[in-house]
Amino acid sequence: MTEVQVCLKEGAVFTRIDESAGVVLELDRKRYYLLNETATALVELLEDAGGAMSRPRVVASLLGAFDVDEAVLGPDLDACLGELERRRIVTLTPAPAAASR
């Protein structure tokens, strides 16, 4: 999963609740989810970027925020993205060619 655009879904309302966690309210289904530190950082990145980023930009940003190797981050990020997509908090779409560079 490398060439995707990660988009925060409309109707997903995020609030940070402490230094390492946040909550997302998914308005369409009226469900809320407690986010771990990685998911919280990811959702904040998406909000700061206007709701969407390419996966490579997400990786670069998270590598700067966490003391972790890309070999460890990549699979963890993909698992996090899969779970957020399953819960309808983000969508993953093919990234435009220019956005993934």
N, C-alpha and C. Protein backbone atom coordinates (compact mmCIF):
# COMPACT_ATOMS: atom_id res chain seq x y z
N MET A 1 0.86 -1.18 0.00
CA MET A 1 0.00 0.00 0.00
C MET A 1 0.90 1.23 0.00
N THR A 2 1.36 1.66 -1.17
CA THR A 2 2.25 2.81 -1.19
C THR A 2 1.66 4.00 -1.93
N GLU A 3 0.98 3.79 -3.02
CA GLU A 3 0.52 4.91 -3.85
C GLU A 3 -0.96 5.19 -3.61
N VAL A 4 -1.28 5.63 -2.40
CA VAL A 4 -2.66 5.97 -2.10
C VAL A 4 -2.74 7.37 -1.52
N GLN A 5 -3.90 7.96 -1.69
CA GLN A 5 -4.24 9.22 -1.07
C GLN A 5 -5.08 8.89 0.15
N VAL A 6 -4.71 9.40 1.29
CA VAL A 6 -5.42 9.16 2.54
C VAL A 6 -6.29 10.38 2.80
N CYS A 7 -7.61 10.17 2.90
CA CYS A 7 -8.55 11.28 3.07
C CYS A 7 -9.38 11.07 4.32
N LEU A 8 -9.44 12.08 5.15
CA LEU A 8 -10.33 12.07 6.30
C LEU A 8 -11.75 12.24 5.80
N LYS A 9 -12.63 11.34 6.19
CA LYS A 9 -14.00 11.41 5.69
C LYS A 9 -14.74 12.61 6.26
N GLU A 10 -15.58 13.20 5.42
CA GLU A 10 -16.48 14.25 5.92
C GLU A 10 -17.36 13.61 6.96
N GLY A 11 -17.62 14.33 8.01
CA GLY A 11 -18.45 13.79 9.07
C GLY A 11 -17.65 13.08 10.15
N ALA A 12 -16.31 13.07 10.02
CA ALA A 12 -15.46 12.54 11.08
C ALA A 12 -14.95 13.73 11.89
N VAL A 13 -15.36 13.80 13.14
CA VAL A 13 -15.00 14.92 14.01
C VAL A 13 -13.98 14.44 15.03
N PHE A 14 -12.81 15.08 15.05
CA PHE A 14 -11.69 14.65 15.89
C PHE A 14 -11.47 15.61 17.05
N THR A 15 -11.12 15.06 18.21
CA THR A 15 -10.69 15.84 19.36
C THR A 15 -9.57 15.09 20.06
N ARG A 16 -8.49 15.80 20.35
CA ARG A 16 -7.40 15.21 21.15
C ARG A 16 -7.85 15.24 22.60
N ILE A 17 -7.65 14.13 23.33
CA ILE A 17 -8.07 14.10 24.73
C ILE A 17 -6.91 14.13 25.70
N ASP A 18 -5.71 13.77 25.27
CA ASP A 18 -4.51 13.95 26.07
C ASP A 18 -3.30 13.88 25.15
N GLU A 19 -2.11 13.79 25.71
CA GLU A 19 -0.89 13.84 24.89
C GLU A 19 -0.76 12.69 23.91
N SER A 20 -1.39 11.56 24.19
CA SER A 20 -1.17 10.40 23.33
C SER A 20 -2.46 9.76 22.81
N ALA A 21 -3.58 10.43 22.94
CA ALA A 21 -4.83 9.82 22.48
C ALA A 21 -5.80 10.88 21.99
N GLY A 22 -6.72 10.42 21.16
CA GLY A 22 -7.77 11.28 20.64
C GLY A 22 -9.04 10.47 20.45
N VAL A 23 -10.10 11.18 20.12
CA VAL A 23 -11.40 10.55 19.88
C VAL A 23 -11.92 11.07 18.55
N VAL A 24 -12.50 10.16 17.76
CA VAL A 24 -13.18 10.55 16.52
C VAL A 24 -14.64 10.16 16.65
N LEU A 25 -15.50 11.12 16.34
CA LEU A 25 -16.93 10.85 16.23
C LEU A 25 -17.24 10.71 14.75
N GLU A 26 -17.76 9.57 14.37
CA GLU A 26 -18.13 9.32 12.98
C GLU A 26 -19.63 9.59 12.88
N LEU A 27 -19.97 10.76 12.36
CA LEU A 27 -21.34 11.27 12.43
C LEU A 27 -22.36 10.47 11.62
N ASP A 28 -21.96 9.90 10.48
CA ASP A 28 -22.91 9.16 9.65
C ASP A 28 -23.56 8.02 10.42
N ARG A 29 -22.75 7.30 11.21
CA ARG A 29 -23.28 6.16 11.95
C ARG A 29 -23.39 6.43 13.44
N LYS A 30 -23.07 7.66 13.84
CA LYS A 30 -23.14 8.07 15.24
C LYS A 30 -22.34 7.14 16.15
N ARG A 31 -21.08 6.92 15.76
CA ARG A 31 -20.17 6.09 16.55
C ARG A 31 -18.92 6.89 16.86
N TYR A 32 -18.35 6.62 18.02
CA TYR A 32 -17.10 7.28 18.34
C TYR A 32 -16.04 6.23 18.65
N TYR A 33 -14.80 6.62 18.39
CA TYR A 33 -13.68 5.71 18.51
C TYR A 33 -12.54 6.39 19.27
N LEU A 34 -11.98 5.68 20.22
CA LEU A 34 -10.79 6.13 20.92
C LEU A 34 -9.58 5.75 20.07
N LEU A 35 -8.72 6.73 19.80
CA LEU A 35 -7.56 6.51 18.94
C LEU A 35 -6.29 6.41 19.77
N ASN A 36 -5.41 5.50 19.36
CA ASN A 36 -4.10 5.42 20.02
C ASN A 36 -3.21 6.55 19.51
N GLU A 37 -1.97 6.56 19.98
CA GLU A 37 -1.06 7.66 19.65
C GLU A 37 -0.80 7.77 18.15
N THR A 38 -0.62 6.65 17.47
CA THR A 38 -0.35 6.67 16.03
C THR A 38 -1.56 7.18 15.25
N ALA A 39 -2.72 6.64 15.55
CA ALA A 39 -3.94 7.07 14.85
C ALA A 39 -4.25 8.53 15.14
N THR A 40 -4.00 8.97 16.36
CA THR A 40 -4.21 10.37 16.72
C THR A 40 -3.29 11.27 15.89
N ALA A 41 -2.01 10.90 15.80
CA ALA A 41 -1.07 11.69 14.99
C ALA A 41 -1.49 11.71 13.53
N LEU A 42 -1.94 10.59 13.02
CA LEU A 42 -2.38 10.50 11.63
C LEU A 42 -3.57 11.40 11.36
N VAL A 43 -4.58 11.34 12.20
CA VAL A 43 -5.78 12.16 12.00
C VAL A 43 -5.44 13.64 12.12
N GLU A 44 -4.57 14.00 13.06
CA GLU A 44 -4.14 15.41 13.17
C GLU A 44 -3.41 15.86 11.90
N LEU A 45 -2.55 15.00 11.37
CA LEU A 45 -1.86 15.33 10.11
C LEU A 45 -2.86 15.62 9.00
N LEU A 46 -3.86 14.75 8.88
CA LEU A 46 -4.87 14.92 7.84
C LEU A 46 -5.65 16.21 8.03
N GLU A 47 -6.03 16.52 9.26
CA GLU A 47 -6.74 17.77 9.53
C GLU A 47 -5.88 18.97 9.15
N ASP A 48 -4.61 18.95 9.56
CA ASP A 48 -3.70 20.07 9.28
C ASP A 48 -3.45 20.24 7.79
N ALA A 49 -3.56 19.14 7.03
CA ALA A 49 -3.32 19.19 5.58
C ALA A 49 -4.60 19.45 4.79
N GLY A 50 -5.67 19.80 5.47
CA GLY A 50 -6.92 20.08 4.77
C GLY A 50 -7.75 18.84 4.50
N GLY A 51 -7.40 17.73 5.13
CA GLY A 51 -8.21 16.53 5.01
C GLY A 51 -7.64 15.41 4.18
N ALA A 52 -6.52 15.66 3.47
CA ALA A 52 -5.97 14.60 2.61
C ALA A 52 -4.46 14.75 2.46
N MET A 53 -3.79 13.60 2.36
CA MET A 53 -2.35 13.54 2.12
C MET A 53 -2.03 12.25 1.39
N SER A 54 -0.96 12.27 0.63
CA SER A 54 -0.49 11.02 0.04
C SER A 54 0.17 10.19 1.14
N ARG A 55 0.15 8.87 0.95
CA ARG A 55 0.77 8.00 1.94
C ARG A 55 2.25 8.33 2.14
N PRO A 56 3.03 8.59 1.07
CA PRO A 56 4.44 8.95 1.29
C PRO A 56 4.62 10.20 2.15
N ARG A 57 3.74 11.19 2.00
CA ARG A 57 3.82 12.39 2.86
C ARG A 57 3.46 12.05 4.29
N VAL A 58 2.49 11.16 4.48
CA VAL A 58 2.13 10.71 5.83
C VAL A 58 3.34 10.03 6.46
N VAL A 59 3.98 9.13 5.72
CA VAL A 59 5.15 8.41 6.24
C VAL A 59 6.24 9.41 6.63
N ALA A 60 6.55 10.35 5.76
CA ALA A 60 7.60 11.33 6.05
C ALA A 60 7.26 12.14 7.30
N SER A 61 6.03 12.55 7.44
CA SER A 61 5.62 13.33 8.61
C SER A 61 5.70 12.51 9.89
N LEU A 62 5.24 11.27 9.84
CA LEU A 62 5.28 10.43 11.04
C LEU A 62 6.70 10.04 11.42
N LEU A 63 7.57 9.85 10.42
CA LEU A 63 8.98 9.56 10.72
C LEU A 63 9.61 10.74 11.46
N GLY A 64 9.19 11.96 11.12
CA GLY A 64 9.70 13.13 11.82
C GLY A 64 9.14 13.28 13.22
N ALA A 65 7.97 12.71 13.47
CA ALA A 65 7.31 12.86 14.76
C ALA A 65 7.66 11.75 15.75
N PHE A 66 7.98 10.57 15.23
CA PHE A 66 8.25 9.42 16.09
C PHE A 66 9.66 8.90 15.85
N ASP A 67 10.27 8.36 16.87
CA ASP A 67 11.60 7.75 16.77
C ASP A 67 11.43 6.30 16.34
N VAL A 68 11.26 6.10 15.03
CA VAL A 68 10.99 4.77 14.50
C VAL A 68 11.58 4.66 13.10
N ASP A 69 12.00 3.46 12.73
CA ASP A 69 12.49 3.21 11.37
C ASP A 69 11.32 3.05 10.42
N GLU A 70 11.54 3.42 9.16
CA GLU A 70 10.48 3.27 8.16
C GLU A 70 10.06 1.81 8.00
N ALA A 71 10.98 0.88 8.19
CA ALA A 71 10.65 -0.55 8.07
C ALA A 71 9.64 -0.98 9.12
N VAL A 72 9.64 -0.33 10.26
CA VAL A 72 8.68 -0.62 11.33
C VAL A 72 7.41 0.20 11.12
N LEU A 73 7.59 1.47 10.76
CA LEU A 73 6.45 2.35 10.59
C LEU A 73 5.51 1.90 9.48
N GLY A 74 6.07 1.49 8.34
CA GLY A 74 5.25 1.14 7.18
C GLY A 74 4.16 0.13 7.47
N PRO A 75 4.50 -1.05 8.00
CA PRO A 75 3.46 -2.04 8.30
C PRO A 75 2.48 -1.57 9.38
N ASP A 76 2.99 -0.85 10.39
CA ASP A 76 2.10 -0.34 11.44
C ASP A 76 1.13 0.69 10.87
N LEU A 77 1.63 1.56 10.00
CA LEU A 77 0.78 2.56 9.37
C LEU A 77 -0.27 1.90 8.50
N ASP A 78 0.12 0.90 7.71
CA ASP A 78 -0.84 0.21 6.86
C ASP A 78 -1.94 -0.46 7.68
N ALA A 79 -1.57 -1.04 8.81
CA ALA A 79 -2.57 -1.66 9.69
C ALA A 79 -3.51 -0.60 10.25
N CYS A 80 -2.95 0.54 10.66
CA CYS A 80 -3.74 1.64 11.19
C CYS A 80 -4.69 2.19 10.12
N LEU A 81 -4.17 2.41 8.91
CA LEU A 81 -5.00 2.92 7.82
C LEU A 81 -6.13 1.94 7.49
N GLY A 82 -5.82 0.66 7.48
CA GLY A 82 -6.84 -0.35 7.21
C GLY A 82 -7.96 -0.32 8.24
N GLU A 83 -7.58 -0.18 9.50
CA GLU A 83 -8.58 -0.13 10.57
C GLU A 83 -9.40 1.16 10.50
N LEU A 84 -8.75 2.28 10.24
CA LEU A 84 -9.49 3.55 10.12
C LEU A 84 -10.42 3.53 8.91
N GLU A 85 -9.99 2.89 7.83
CA GLU A 85 -10.85 2.78 6.66
C GLU A 85 -12.04 1.86 6.96
N ARG A 86 -11.79 0.76 7.63
CA ARG A 86 -12.86 -0.17 7.99
C ARG A 86 -13.91 0.51 8.86
N ARG A 87 -13.47 1.42 9.71
CA ARG A 87 -14.39 2.12 10.61
C ARG A 87 -14.95 3.40 9.99
N ARG A 88 -14.64 3.61 8.71
CA ARG A 88 -15.17 4.74 7.93
C ARG A 88 -14.73 6.11 8.45
N ILE A 89 -13.49 6.15 8.93
CA ILE A 89 -12.91 7.41 9.38
C ILE A 89 -12.05 8.03 8.28
N VAL A 90 -11.40 7.19 7.49
CA VAL A 90 -10.63 7.64 6.33
C VAL A 90 -11.05 6.84 5.11
N THR A 91 -10.73 7.40 3.95
CA THR A 91 -10.84 6.66 2.69
C THR A 91 -9.45 6.60 2.07
N LEU A 92 -9.20 5.52 1.36
CA LEU A 92 -7.93 5.34 0.65
C LEU A 92 -8.24 5.23 -0.83
N THR A 93 -7.67 6.14 -1.61
CA THR A 93 -7.91 6.16 -3.05
C THR A 93 -6.57 6.22 -3.77
N PRO A 94 -6.53 5.80 -5.05
CA PRO A 94 -5.27 5.92 -5.78
C PRO A 94 -4.78 7.37 -5.76
N ALA A 95 -3.50 7.53 -5.44
CA ALA A 95 -2.93 8.88 -5.35
C ALA A 95 -2.63 9.42 -6.74
N PRO A 96 -2.89 10.71 -6.95
CA PRO A 96 -2.45 11.34 -8.19
C PRO A 96 -0.94 11.22 -8.28
N ALA A 97 -0.40 11.07 -9.46
CA ALA A 97 1.04 10.85 -9.65
C ALA A 97 1.88 11.91 -8.98
N ALA A 98 1.52 13.18 -9.09
CA ALA A 98 2.32 14.26 -8.52
C ALA A 98 2.27 14.27 -7.00
N ALA A 99 1.17 13.80 -6.38
CA ALA A 99 1.02 13.86 -4.93
C ALA A 99 1.88 12.84 -4.23
N SER A 100 2.28 11.76 -4.90
CA SER A 100 3.03 10.71 -4.23
C SER A 100 4.54 10.94 -4.26
N ARG A 101 4.97 11.99 -4.91
CA ARG A 101 6.41 12.27 -5.00
C ARG A 101 6.88 13.14 -3.88
